[in-house]
N, C-alpha and C. Protein backbone atom coordinates (compact mmCIF):
# COMPACT_ATOMS: atom_id res chain seq x y z
N UNK A 1 -8.92 24.68 21.34
CA UNK A 1 -8.13 23.48 21.65
C UNK A 1 -6.78 23.87 22.26
N UNK A 2 -6.20 24.93 21.70
CA UNK A 2 -4.89 25.36 22.20
C UNK A 2 -5.02 25.89 23.63
N UNK A 3 -6.08 26.67 23.88
CA UNK A 3 -6.29 27.22 25.23
C UNK A 3 -6.50 26.12 26.26
N UNK A 4 -7.23 25.08 25.86
CA UNK A 4 -7.54 23.99 26.78
C UNK A 4 -6.42 22.96 26.89
N UNK A 5 -5.35 23.17 26.09
CA UNK A 5 -4.25 22.23 26.13
C UNK A 5 -4.51 20.96 25.35
N UNK A 6 -5.58 20.96 24.52
CA UNK A 6 -5.94 19.74 23.78
C UNK A 6 -5.14 19.57 22.50
N UNK A 7 -4.42 20.63 22.09
CA UNK A 7 -3.71 20.57 20.82
C UNK A 7 -2.33 19.94 20.96
N UNK A 8 -1.88 19.79 22.19
CA UNK A 8 -0.49 19.39 22.38
C UNK A 8 -0.30 17.88 22.27
N UNK A 9 -0.72 17.34 21.14
CA UNK A 9 -0.40 15.94 20.87
C UNK A 9 -0.13 15.78 19.38
N UNK A 10 0.66 14.79 19.07
CA UNK A 10 1.16 14.59 17.72
C UNK A 10 0.03 14.39 16.71
N UNK A 11 -0.98 13.65 17.10
CA UNK A 11 -2.10 13.34 16.19
C UNK A 11 -2.78 14.62 15.70
N UNK A 12 -3.09 15.53 16.63
CA UNK A 12 -3.76 16.79 16.27
C UNK A 12 -2.88 17.66 15.38
N UNK A 13 -1.60 17.73 15.73
CA UNK A 13 -0.68 18.53 14.92
C UNK A 13 -0.59 18.00 13.48
N UNK A 14 -0.54 16.68 13.34
CA UNK A 14 -0.44 16.10 12.00
C UNK A 14 -1.67 16.38 11.16
N UNK A 15 -2.86 16.35 11.79
CA UNK A 15 -4.09 16.70 11.07
C UNK A 15 -4.04 18.16 10.63
N UNK A 16 -3.56 19.02 11.52
CA UNK A 16 -3.44 20.45 11.22
C UNK A 16 -2.49 20.66 10.04
N UNK A 17 -1.34 20.00 10.09
CA UNK A 17 -0.36 20.09 9.00
C UNK A 17 -0.97 19.64 7.68
N UNK A 18 -1.66 18.51 7.70
CA UNK A 18 -2.25 17.95 6.49
C UNK A 18 -3.26 18.91 5.88
N UNK A 19 -4.09 19.51 6.72
CA UNK A 19 -5.09 20.47 6.24
C UNK A 19 -4.46 21.71 5.63
N UNK A 20 -3.42 22.21 6.28
CA UNK A 20 -2.73 23.40 5.77
C UNK A 20 -2.09 23.14 4.41
N UNK A 21 -1.42 22.01 4.30
CA UNK A 21 -0.70 21.73 3.06
C UNK A 21 -1.63 21.36 1.92
N UNK A 22 -2.76 20.74 2.23
CA UNK A 22 -3.74 20.46 1.19
C UNK A 22 -4.34 21.75 0.63
N UNK A 23 -4.25 22.82 1.41
CA UNK A 23 -4.76 24.11 0.96
C UNK A 23 -3.63 25.09 0.62
N UNK A 24 -2.44 24.51 0.37
CA UNK A 24 -1.27 25.28 -0.08
C UNK A 24 -0.85 26.38 0.90
N UNK A 25 -1.10 26.17 2.19
CA UNK A 25 -0.66 27.13 3.21
C UNK A 25 0.74 26.72 3.68
N UNK A 26 1.72 26.93 2.82
CA UNK A 26 3.06 26.39 3.05
C UNK A 26 3.78 27.08 4.20
N UNK A 27 3.71 28.40 4.23
CA UNK A 27 4.39 29.15 5.30
C UNK A 27 3.79 28.77 6.65
N UNK A 28 2.45 28.73 6.71
CA UNK A 28 1.76 28.39 7.96
C UNK A 28 2.15 26.98 8.42
N UNK A 29 2.27 26.06 7.48
CA UNK A 29 2.62 24.67 7.82
C UNK A 29 4.02 24.60 8.42
N UNK A 30 4.94 25.35 7.85
CA UNK A 30 6.31 25.34 8.39
C UNK A 30 6.36 25.98 9.78
N UNK A 31 5.49 26.97 10.01
CA UNK A 31 5.41 27.58 11.34
C UNK A 31 4.83 26.61 12.35
N UNK A 32 3.85 25.80 11.92
CA UNK A 32 3.26 24.79 12.81
C UNK A 32 4.31 23.75 13.18
N UNK A 33 5.13 23.37 12.20
CA UNK A 33 6.19 22.40 12.46
C UNK A 33 7.15 22.93 13.51
N UNK A 34 7.49 24.22 13.38
CA UNK A 34 8.37 24.86 14.38
C UNK A 34 7.68 24.93 15.73
N UNK A 35 6.37 25.25 15.72
CA UNK A 35 5.60 25.35 16.96
C UNK A 35 5.57 24.02 17.71
N UNK A 36 5.48 22.93 16.95
CA UNK A 36 5.48 21.60 17.55
C UNK A 36 6.75 21.39 18.37
N UNK A 37 7.88 21.69 17.73
CA UNK A 37 9.17 21.49 18.39
C UNK A 37 9.29 22.39 19.62
N UNK A 38 8.87 23.66 19.46
CA UNK A 38 8.96 24.62 20.57
C UNK A 38 8.13 24.17 21.77
N UNK A 39 7.03 23.46 21.50
CA UNK A 39 6.13 23.06 22.59
C UNK A 39 6.37 21.62 23.04
N UNK A 40 7.48 21.05 22.56
CA UNK A 40 7.86 19.73 23.05
C UNK A 40 7.13 18.57 22.41
N UNK A 41 6.46 18.83 21.28
CA UNK A 41 5.79 17.74 20.56
C UNK A 41 6.71 17.36 19.39
N UNK A 42 7.41 16.25 19.54
CA UNK A 42 8.40 15.85 18.55
C UNK A 42 7.72 15.35 17.27
N UNK A 43 7.97 15.99 16.11
CA UNK A 43 7.38 15.49 14.86
C UNK A 43 7.87 14.09 14.56
N UNK A 44 6.99 13.26 14.00
CA UNK A 44 7.42 11.92 13.56
C UNK A 44 7.63 11.94 12.05
N UNK A 45 7.99 10.80 11.47
CA UNK A 45 8.30 10.76 10.05
C UNK A 45 7.07 11.12 9.22
N UNK A 46 5.87 10.80 9.73
CA UNK A 46 4.64 11.16 9.02
C UNK A 46 4.48 12.68 8.95
N UNK A 47 4.83 13.38 10.04
CA UNK A 47 4.76 14.85 10.06
C UNK A 47 5.64 15.43 8.96
N UNK A 48 6.87 14.95 8.91
CA UNK A 48 7.81 15.47 7.91
C UNK A 48 7.38 15.10 6.49
N UNK A 49 6.83 13.90 6.33
CA UNK A 49 6.38 13.48 4.99
C UNK A 49 5.26 14.37 4.48
N UNK A 50 4.36 14.79 5.37
CA UNK A 50 3.27 15.69 4.99
C UNK A 50 3.84 17.00 4.45
N UNK A 51 4.79 17.54 5.19
CA UNK A 51 5.38 18.82 4.80
C UNK A 51 6.16 18.68 3.48
N UNK A 52 6.95 17.63 3.37
CA UNK A 52 7.74 17.41 2.15
C UNK A 52 6.85 17.26 0.93
N UNK A 53 5.76 16.54 1.07
CA UNK A 53 4.84 16.34 -0.05
C UNK A 53 4.24 17.66 -0.51
N UNK A 54 3.82 18.48 0.44
CA UNK A 54 3.25 19.78 0.10
C UNK A 54 4.25 20.69 -0.58
N UNK A 55 5.47 20.71 -0.08
CA UNK A 55 6.52 21.54 -0.68
C UNK A 55 6.86 21.05 -2.09
N UNK A 56 6.94 19.72 -2.23
CA UNK A 56 7.28 19.13 -3.53
C UNK A 56 6.24 19.50 -4.58
N UNK A 57 4.96 19.41 -4.21
CA UNK A 57 3.89 19.71 -5.16
C UNK A 57 3.86 21.17 -5.58
N UNK A 58 4.54 22.01 -4.80
CA UNK A 58 4.62 23.43 -5.15
C UNK A 58 6.00 23.79 -5.71
N UNK A 59 6.76 22.76 -6.09
CA UNK A 59 8.04 22.98 -6.76
C UNK A 59 9.14 23.55 -5.88
N UNK A 60 9.00 23.43 -4.56
CA UNK A 60 9.98 24.01 -3.63
C UNK A 60 11.02 22.96 -3.24
N UNK A 61 11.82 22.56 -4.21
CA UNK A 61 12.78 21.48 -4.01
C UNK A 61 13.81 21.79 -2.94
N UNK A 62 14.31 23.02 -2.92
CA UNK A 62 15.34 23.36 -1.92
C UNK A 62 14.79 23.20 -0.51
N UNK A 63 13.51 23.54 -0.31
CA UNK A 63 12.89 23.37 1.00
C UNK A 63 12.69 21.89 1.33
N UNK A 64 12.37 21.09 0.31
CA UNK A 64 12.22 19.64 0.51
C UNK A 64 13.54 19.05 0.98
N UNK A 65 14.64 19.45 0.34
CA UNK A 65 15.97 18.96 0.72
C UNK A 65 16.31 19.40 2.14
N UNK A 66 15.91 20.63 2.50
CA UNK A 66 16.16 21.14 3.84
C UNK A 66 15.42 20.31 4.89
N UNK A 67 14.15 19.96 4.60
CA UNK A 67 13.38 19.14 5.53
C UNK A 67 14.01 17.76 5.66
N UNK A 68 14.51 17.22 4.54
CA UNK A 68 15.20 15.93 4.59
C UNK A 68 16.39 16.00 5.56
N UNK A 69 17.08 17.14 5.56
CA UNK A 69 18.19 17.34 6.49
C UNK A 69 17.73 17.33 7.94
N UNK A 70 16.56 17.96 8.20
CA UNK A 70 15.99 17.95 9.55
C UNK A 70 15.72 16.52 10.02
N UNK A 71 15.18 15.72 9.10
CA UNK A 71 14.84 14.33 9.43
C UNK A 71 16.09 13.58 9.87
N UNK A 72 17.15 13.69 9.08
CA UNK A 72 18.40 12.97 9.38
C UNK A 72 18.98 13.44 10.70
N UNK A 73 19.00 14.77 10.91
CA UNK A 73 19.59 15.31 12.14
C UNK A 73 18.77 14.96 13.38
N UNK A 74 17.47 14.75 13.20
CA UNK A 74 16.63 14.42 14.35
C UNK A 74 16.74 12.95 14.74
N UNK A 75 17.46 12.18 13.93
CA UNK A 75 17.65 10.76 14.26
C UNK A 75 16.57 9.85 13.73
N UNK A 76 15.60 10.42 12.98
CA UNK A 76 14.54 9.59 12.39
C UNK A 76 15.07 8.92 11.13
N UNK A 77 14.46 7.80 10.77
CA UNK A 77 14.85 7.10 9.55
C UNK A 77 13.85 7.43 8.44
N UNK A 78 14.32 8.00 7.32
CA UNK A 78 13.42 8.24 6.19
C UNK A 78 12.79 6.92 5.74
N UNK A 79 11.51 6.96 5.35
CA UNK A 79 10.85 5.74 4.87
C UNK A 79 10.63 5.85 3.36
N UNK A 80 9.90 4.88 2.81
CA UNK A 80 9.67 4.84 1.37
C UNK A 80 8.98 6.12 0.88
N UNK A 81 8.03 6.63 1.66
CA UNK A 81 7.30 7.85 1.28
C UNK A 81 8.27 9.04 1.24
N UNK A 82 9.14 9.14 2.23
CA UNK A 82 10.11 10.24 2.30
C UNK A 82 11.00 10.25 1.06
N UNK A 83 11.59 9.10 0.77
CA UNK A 83 12.49 9.01 -0.38
C UNK A 83 11.73 9.24 -1.69
N UNK A 84 10.52 8.69 -1.79
CA UNK A 84 9.74 8.85 -3.02
C UNK A 84 9.40 10.31 -3.27
N UNK A 85 9.10 11.03 -2.20
CA UNK A 85 8.78 12.46 -2.32
C UNK A 85 9.99 13.25 -2.81
N UNK A 86 11.16 12.95 -2.23
CA UNK A 86 12.38 13.65 -2.65
C UNK A 86 12.72 13.30 -4.09
N UNK A 87 12.57 12.02 -4.44
CA UNK A 87 12.83 11.58 -5.81
C UNK A 87 11.90 12.30 -6.78
N UNK A 88 10.63 12.44 -6.39
CA UNK A 88 9.65 13.15 -7.22
C UNK A 88 10.07 14.60 -7.42
N UNK A 89 10.56 15.22 -6.34
CA UNK A 89 11.00 16.61 -6.43
C UNK A 89 12.13 16.79 -7.44
N UNK A 90 13.09 15.88 -7.40
CA UNK A 90 14.20 15.94 -8.36
C UNK A 90 13.70 15.72 -9.79
N UNK A 91 12.80 14.76 -9.97
CA UNK A 91 12.27 14.47 -11.30
C UNK A 91 11.51 15.66 -11.88
N UNK A 92 10.74 16.34 -11.04
CA UNK A 92 9.99 17.52 -11.50
C UNK A 92 10.92 18.61 -12.03
N UNK A 93 12.12 18.66 -11.48
CA UNK A 93 13.11 19.66 -11.90
C UNK A 93 14.02 19.13 -13.01
N UNK A 94 13.78 17.89 -13.45
CA UNK A 94 14.60 17.31 -14.51
C UNK A 94 15.97 16.86 -14.04
N UNK A 95 16.14 16.73 -12.72
CA UNK A 95 17.42 16.31 -12.15
C UNK A 95 17.43 14.78 -12.01
N UNK A 96 17.57 14.09 -13.14
CA UNK A 96 17.43 12.65 -13.16
C UNK A 96 18.61 11.94 -12.52
N UNK A 97 19.80 12.52 -12.63
CA UNK A 97 20.98 11.91 -12.00
C UNK A 97 20.78 11.86 -10.49
N UNK A 98 20.33 12.98 -9.92
CA UNK A 98 20.09 13.05 -8.48
C UNK A 98 18.96 12.11 -8.07
N UNK A 99 17.90 12.03 -8.91
CA UNK A 99 16.77 11.15 -8.62
C UNK A 99 17.21 9.70 -8.58
N UNK A 100 18.04 9.30 -9.54
CA UNK A 100 18.53 7.94 -9.57
C UNK A 100 19.42 7.65 -8.36
N UNK A 101 20.18 8.66 -7.93
CA UNK A 101 21.04 8.51 -6.75
C UNK A 101 20.18 8.29 -5.50
N UNK A 102 19.03 8.97 -5.42
CA UNK A 102 18.12 8.79 -4.29
C UNK A 102 17.56 7.36 -4.29
N UNK A 103 17.22 6.85 -5.48
CA UNK A 103 16.71 5.48 -5.58
C UNK A 103 17.76 4.49 -5.07
N UNK A 104 19.00 4.71 -5.46
CA UNK A 104 20.08 3.82 -5.01
C UNK A 104 20.33 3.96 -3.52
N UNK A 105 20.23 5.20 -3.01
CA UNK A 105 20.46 5.44 -1.58
C UNK A 105 19.41 4.74 -0.73
N UNK A 106 18.15 4.83 -1.15
CA UNK A 106 17.10 4.21 -0.34
C UNK A 106 17.26 2.70 -0.30
N UNK A 107 17.74 2.11 -1.42
CA UNK A 107 17.96 0.67 -1.42
C UNK A 107 19.15 0.29 -0.55
N UNK A 108 20.20 1.12 -0.57
CA UNK A 108 21.36 0.87 0.29
C UNK A 108 20.99 0.93 1.76
N UNK A 109 20.03 1.81 2.09
CA UNK A 109 19.61 1.97 3.48
C UNK A 109 18.52 0.98 3.89
N UNK A 110 18.26 0.01 3.02
CA UNK A 110 17.30 -1.04 3.35
C UNK A 110 15.86 -0.60 3.26
N UNK A 111 15.61 0.53 2.57
CA UNK A 111 14.25 1.04 2.39
C UNK A 111 13.77 0.62 1.00
N UNK A 112 12.85 -0.31 0.95
CA UNK A 112 12.46 -0.92 -0.32
C UNK A 112 11.57 0.02 -1.13
N UNK A 113 11.99 0.36 -2.37
CA UNK A 113 11.14 1.18 -3.23
C UNK A 113 9.87 0.41 -3.59
N UNK A 114 8.79 1.11 -3.83
CA UNK A 114 7.57 0.45 -4.30
C UNK A 114 7.33 0.82 -5.77
N UNK A 115 6.26 0.30 -6.32
CA UNK A 115 5.96 0.56 -7.73
C UNK A 115 5.80 2.06 -7.98
N UNK A 116 5.17 2.77 -7.05
CA UNK A 116 4.98 4.23 -7.20
C UNK A 116 6.33 4.93 -7.34
N UNK A 117 7.29 4.55 -6.49
CA UNK A 117 8.62 5.15 -6.53
C UNK A 117 9.25 4.97 -7.90
N UNK A 118 9.24 3.74 -8.38
CA UNK A 118 9.87 3.44 -9.67
C UNK A 118 9.13 4.13 -10.83
N UNK A 119 7.80 4.21 -10.73
CA UNK A 119 7.03 4.86 -11.80
C UNK A 119 7.38 6.33 -11.95
N UNK A 120 7.67 7.00 -10.82
CA UNK A 120 8.06 8.42 -10.86
C UNK A 120 9.30 8.60 -11.72
N UNK A 121 10.33 7.78 -11.43
CA UNK A 121 11.58 7.89 -12.17
C UNK A 121 11.41 7.41 -13.60
N UNK A 122 10.64 6.35 -13.79
CA UNK A 122 10.41 5.81 -15.13
C UNK A 122 9.77 6.85 -16.04
N UNK A 123 8.76 7.56 -15.51
CA UNK A 123 8.07 8.60 -16.28
C UNK A 123 9.03 9.69 -16.72
N UNK A 124 9.91 10.12 -15.80
CA UNK A 124 10.85 11.18 -16.13
C UNK A 124 11.87 10.74 -17.18
N UNK A 125 12.30 9.49 -17.09
CA UNK A 125 13.27 8.98 -18.07
C UNK A 125 12.66 8.95 -19.47
N UNK A 126 11.42 8.46 -19.60
CA UNK A 126 10.76 8.44 -20.91
C UNK A 126 10.54 9.87 -21.41
N UNK A 127 10.14 10.75 -20.48
CA UNK A 127 9.87 12.15 -20.84
C UNK A 127 11.10 12.83 -21.40
N UNK A 128 12.27 12.49 -20.85
CA UNK A 128 13.53 13.09 -21.29
C UNK A 128 14.14 12.34 -22.47
N UNK A 129 13.43 11.32 -22.97
CA UNK A 129 13.92 10.57 -24.11
C UNK A 129 15.05 9.62 -23.80
N UNK A 130 15.23 9.31 -22.50
CA UNK A 130 16.30 8.40 -22.09
C UNK A 130 15.76 6.96 -22.11
N UNK A 131 15.59 6.45 -23.34
CA UNK A 131 14.92 5.17 -23.54
C UNK A 131 15.71 4.02 -22.94
N UNK A 132 17.02 3.99 -23.17
CA UNK A 132 17.85 2.89 -22.65
C UNK A 132 17.82 2.86 -21.12
N UNK A 133 17.91 4.05 -20.50
CA UNK A 133 17.86 4.12 -19.04
C UNK A 133 16.50 3.66 -18.51
N UNK A 134 15.43 4.03 -19.25
CA UNK A 134 14.08 3.61 -18.85
C UNK A 134 13.94 2.10 -18.91
N UNK A 135 14.49 1.50 -19.97
CA UNK A 135 14.41 0.05 -20.11
C UNK A 135 15.24 -0.65 -19.04
N UNK A 136 16.38 -0.04 -18.67
CA UNK A 136 17.21 -0.62 -17.60
C UNK A 136 16.46 -0.59 -16.27
N UNK A 137 15.72 0.51 -16.04
CA UNK A 137 14.94 0.60 -14.80
C UNK A 137 13.84 -0.45 -14.79
N UNK A 138 13.19 -0.65 -15.94
CA UNK A 138 12.17 -1.70 -16.02
C UNK A 138 12.77 -3.07 -15.72
N UNK A 139 13.97 -3.30 -16.23
CA UNK A 139 14.64 -4.57 -15.97
C UNK A 139 14.93 -4.72 -14.47
N UNK A 140 15.37 -3.60 -13.85
CA UNK A 140 15.65 -3.64 -12.42
C UNK A 140 14.38 -3.92 -11.63
N UNK A 141 13.25 -3.31 -12.05
CA UNK A 141 11.97 -3.57 -11.40
C UNK A 141 11.63 -5.04 -11.50
N UNK A 142 11.92 -5.63 -12.67
CA UNK A 142 11.66 -7.04 -12.90
C UNK A 142 12.52 -7.91 -11.99
N UNK A 143 13.83 -7.61 -11.96
CA UNK A 143 14.76 -8.40 -11.17
C UNK A 143 14.47 -8.34 -9.67
N UNK A 144 14.06 -7.14 -9.20
CA UNK A 144 13.81 -6.96 -7.77
C UNK A 144 12.41 -7.43 -7.37
N UNK A 145 11.59 -7.78 -8.35
CA UNK A 145 10.26 -8.29 -8.05
C UNK A 145 9.25 -7.23 -7.70
N UNK A 146 9.50 -5.96 -8.12
CA UNK A 146 8.51 -4.91 -7.86
C UNK A 146 7.29 -5.14 -8.73
N UNK A 147 6.12 -4.83 -8.21
CA UNK A 147 4.91 -4.98 -8.99
C UNK A 147 4.85 -3.99 -10.14
N UNK A 148 4.25 -4.40 -11.23
CA UNK A 148 4.07 -3.52 -12.39
C UNK A 148 2.57 -3.29 -12.54
N UNK A 149 2.15 -2.03 -12.60
CA UNK A 149 0.72 -1.73 -12.64
C UNK A 149 0.33 -1.02 -13.94
N UNK A 150 -0.93 -0.60 -14.02
CA UNK A 150 -1.44 0.08 -15.21
C UNK A 150 -0.68 1.38 -15.46
N UNK A 151 -0.30 2.08 -14.39
CA UNK A 151 0.46 3.32 -14.55
C UNK A 151 1.79 3.04 -15.24
N UNK A 152 2.46 1.96 -14.84
CA UNK A 152 3.72 1.58 -15.48
C UNK A 152 3.51 1.38 -16.97
N UNK A 153 2.47 0.63 -17.32
CA UNK A 153 2.17 0.36 -18.73
C UNK A 153 1.85 1.65 -19.48
N UNK A 154 1.08 2.55 -18.85
CA UNK A 154 0.77 3.84 -19.47
C UNK A 154 2.04 4.61 -19.80
N UNK A 155 2.98 4.62 -18.84
CA UNK A 155 4.24 5.35 -19.02
C UNK A 155 5.02 4.78 -20.20
N UNK A 156 5.10 3.44 -20.26
CA UNK A 156 5.85 2.80 -21.34
C UNK A 156 5.20 3.07 -22.69
N UNK A 157 3.88 2.93 -22.76
CA UNK A 157 3.16 3.14 -24.03
C UNK A 157 3.31 4.60 -24.48
N UNK A 158 3.18 5.53 -23.54
CA UNK A 158 3.33 6.95 -23.85
C UNK A 158 4.75 7.23 -24.37
N UNK A 159 5.73 6.63 -23.71
CA UNK A 159 7.12 6.82 -24.13
C UNK A 159 7.39 6.26 -25.51
N UNK A 160 6.82 5.09 -25.80
CA UNK A 160 6.99 4.48 -27.12
C UNK A 160 6.36 5.35 -28.21
N UNK A 161 5.18 5.90 -27.93
CA UNK A 161 4.50 6.77 -28.90
C UNK A 161 5.35 8.01 -29.20
N UNK A 162 5.88 8.62 -28.14
CA UNK A 162 6.64 9.85 -28.32
C UNK A 162 7.99 9.60 -28.99
N UNK A 163 8.47 8.35 -28.93
CA UNK A 163 9.73 8.04 -29.60
C UNK A 163 9.50 7.44 -30.97
N UNK A 164 8.23 7.49 -31.45
CA UNK A 164 7.91 7.05 -32.81
C UNK A 164 7.70 5.56 -32.97
N UNK A 165 7.65 4.82 -31.86
CA UNK A 165 7.47 3.37 -31.94
C UNK A 165 5.99 3.03 -31.74
N UNK A 166 5.15 3.53 -32.67
CA UNK A 166 3.70 3.40 -32.52
C UNK A 166 3.23 1.96 -32.62
N UNK A 167 3.84 1.17 -33.52
CA UNK A 167 3.42 -0.22 -33.68
C UNK A 167 3.64 -1.01 -32.39
N UNK A 168 4.80 -0.79 -31.76
CA UNK A 168 5.10 -1.49 -30.51
C UNK A 168 4.15 -1.04 -29.40
N UNK A 169 3.85 0.26 -29.36
CA UNK A 169 2.93 0.78 -28.35
C UNK A 169 1.54 0.17 -28.52
N UNK A 170 1.05 0.11 -29.75
CA UNK A 170 -0.27 -0.46 -30.02
C UNK A 170 -0.31 -1.95 -29.71
N UNK A 171 0.79 -2.64 -29.98
CA UNK A 171 0.88 -4.07 -29.70
C UNK A 171 0.75 -4.34 -28.20
N UNK A 172 1.46 -3.53 -27.40
CA UNK A 172 1.39 -3.70 -25.94
C UNK A 172 0.00 -3.37 -25.42
N UNK A 173 -0.58 -2.24 -25.90
CA UNK A 173 -1.92 -1.85 -25.45
C UNK A 173 -2.95 -2.92 -25.79
N UNK A 174 -2.84 -3.51 -26.97
CA UNK A 174 -3.78 -4.56 -27.40
C UNK A 174 -3.64 -5.81 -26.53
N UNK A 175 -2.40 -6.21 -26.26
CA UNK A 175 -2.19 -7.45 -25.51
C UNK A 175 -2.47 -7.30 -24.02
N UNK A 176 -2.54 -6.05 -23.52
CA UNK A 176 -2.88 -5.84 -22.11
C UNK A 176 -4.27 -6.39 -21.79
N UNK A 177 -5.17 -6.41 -22.79
CA UNK A 177 -6.53 -6.90 -22.54
C UNK A 177 -6.53 -8.36 -22.11
N UNK A 178 -5.59 -9.12 -22.64
CA UNK A 178 -5.57 -10.56 -22.32
C UNK A 178 -4.42 -10.96 -21.40
N UNK A 179 -3.31 -10.21 -21.45
CA UNK A 179 -2.14 -10.60 -20.67
C UNK A 179 -1.78 -9.60 -19.57
N UNK A 180 -2.55 -8.53 -19.43
CA UNK A 180 -2.24 -7.55 -18.40
C UNK A 180 -0.87 -6.94 -18.59
N UNK A 181 -0.16 -6.66 -17.49
CA UNK A 181 1.14 -6.02 -17.57
C UNK A 181 2.21 -6.93 -18.15
N UNK A 182 1.91 -8.23 -18.25
CA UNK A 182 2.86 -9.15 -18.89
C UNK A 182 3.04 -8.80 -20.37
N UNK A 183 2.15 -7.97 -20.91
CA UNK A 183 2.28 -7.51 -22.30
C UNK A 183 3.57 -6.74 -22.51
N UNK A 184 4.16 -6.22 -21.41
CA UNK A 184 5.43 -5.52 -21.53
C UNK A 184 6.54 -6.46 -21.98
N UNK A 185 6.28 -7.76 -21.95
CA UNK A 185 7.23 -8.74 -22.47
C UNK A 185 7.53 -8.51 -23.94
N UNK A 186 6.64 -7.79 -24.62
CA UNK A 186 6.86 -7.47 -26.04
C UNK A 186 8.03 -6.52 -26.25
N UNK A 187 8.54 -5.93 -25.15
CA UNK A 187 9.70 -5.06 -25.28
C UNK A 187 10.96 -5.87 -25.53
N UNK A 188 10.91 -7.17 -25.26
CA UNK A 188 12.09 -8.02 -25.47
C UNK A 188 12.16 -9.10 -24.42
N UNK A 189 13.05 -10.02 -24.60
CA UNK A 189 13.16 -11.18 -23.71
C UNK A 189 13.41 -10.80 -22.26
N UNK A 190 14.11 -9.66 -22.04
CA UNK A 190 14.43 -9.24 -20.67
C UNK A 190 13.19 -8.90 -19.86
N UNK A 191 12.07 -8.67 -20.55
CA UNK A 191 10.86 -8.21 -19.86
C UNK A 191 9.77 -9.27 -19.81
N UNK A 192 10.05 -10.47 -20.34
CA UNK A 192 9.04 -11.52 -20.39
C UNK A 192 8.46 -11.80 -19.01
N UNK A 193 9.35 -11.80 -18.00
CA UNK A 193 8.91 -12.17 -16.65
C UNK A 193 8.51 -11.01 -15.78
N UNK A 194 8.15 -9.87 -16.36
CA UNK A 194 7.81 -8.71 -15.54
C UNK A 194 6.71 -9.03 -14.53
N UNK A 195 5.76 -9.85 -14.92
CA UNK A 195 4.73 -10.29 -13.99
C UNK A 195 4.60 -11.79 -14.09
N UNK A 196 5.04 -12.48 -13.04
CA UNK A 196 4.99 -13.94 -13.08
C UNK A 196 3.63 -14.47 -12.68
N UNK A 197 2.92 -13.71 -11.86
CA UNK A 197 1.61 -14.14 -11.37
C UNK A 197 0.54 -13.68 -12.35
N UNK A 198 -0.04 -14.62 -13.10
CA UNK A 198 -1.02 -14.28 -14.13
C UNK A 198 -2.22 -13.56 -13.55
N UNK A 199 -2.65 -13.97 -12.35
CA UNK A 199 -3.83 -13.35 -11.75
C UNK A 199 -3.60 -11.87 -11.47
N UNK A 200 -2.34 -11.53 -11.10
CA UNK A 200 -2.02 -10.12 -10.87
C UNK A 200 -1.94 -9.35 -12.18
N UNK A 201 -1.33 -9.95 -13.17
CA UNK A 201 -1.15 -9.24 -14.44
C UNK A 201 -2.48 -9.01 -15.14
N UNK A 202 -3.46 -9.89 -14.92
CA UNK A 202 -4.76 -9.74 -15.57
C UNK A 202 -5.48 -8.49 -15.11
N UNK A 203 -5.16 -8.03 -13.88
CA UNK A 203 -5.83 -6.83 -13.37
C UNK A 203 -5.34 -5.56 -14.05
N UNK A 204 -4.20 -5.65 -14.71
CA UNK A 204 -3.59 -4.48 -15.33
C UNK A 204 -4.09 -4.37 -16.77
N UNK A 205 -5.22 -3.69 -16.96
CA UNK A 205 -5.81 -3.56 -18.30
C UNK A 205 -5.74 -2.10 -18.75
N UNK A 206 -5.82 -1.85 -20.06
CA UNK A 206 -5.74 -0.47 -20.55
C UNK A 206 -6.83 0.40 -19.94
N UNK A 207 -6.50 1.65 -19.64
CA UNK A 207 -7.50 2.58 -19.13
C UNK A 207 -7.67 3.74 -20.11
N UNK A 208 -8.52 4.70 -19.75
CA UNK A 208 -8.82 5.81 -20.64
C UNK A 208 -7.59 6.66 -20.95
N UNK A 209 -6.63 6.71 -20.02
CA UNK A 209 -5.43 7.52 -20.24
C UNK A 209 -4.69 7.06 -21.50
N UNK A 210 -4.56 5.74 -21.66
CA UNK A 210 -3.84 5.21 -22.80
C UNK A 210 -4.45 5.65 -24.12
N UNK A 211 -5.78 5.55 -24.21
CA UNK A 211 -6.46 5.87 -25.48
C UNK A 211 -6.57 7.36 -25.70
N UNK A 212 -6.76 8.13 -24.63
CA UNK A 212 -6.94 9.58 -24.77
C UNK A 212 -5.63 10.27 -25.13
N UNK A 213 -4.53 9.84 -24.50
CA UNK A 213 -3.26 10.53 -24.68
C UNK A 213 -2.44 9.97 -25.84
N UNK A 214 -2.79 8.80 -26.33
CA UNK A 214 -1.97 8.21 -27.38
C UNK A 214 -2.75 7.98 -28.66
């Protein structure tokens, strides 16, 4: 493909990058990214997101931050995936202050976090025993209208179990069968409206993770 000139398009390069990073070929992927620029194929935000995700999954936070710098300098706008990946990298390293700053930055820049983004930070807060901060984040998710899914409920139940609040965890898990994620309302009045749409909340039922891990 390279000899015939068929490789010199963004689509092919992105597939190449994705394949390399899925197989943990991190050095090769970074060389491909450089090769793209050298050959006049400008990486798009998807290209950078692929690389950042691969680096993050291998714990290479400093490289993830470096790629984020490339994105800003190239004039591209980071998207929800970009910010979520960087936030995940900080959370993996236990840098919750920085992770929360990234969440605030993406909202300031008009990039709307999704449920996945919030779940990453929520999981780290519970894991670090920062219960009040976790509950504040849940309240923020409620106020901003972010969807709450089974993963969110798993994180909350797991956190309650690890903090010794087994009765509350069991109560939420039991009520998920009939009320879905609205069962999180059992955390207090601030959470009653976590899911206003009953049809959506009904889809959020306990899964094997809840019973196996708790």
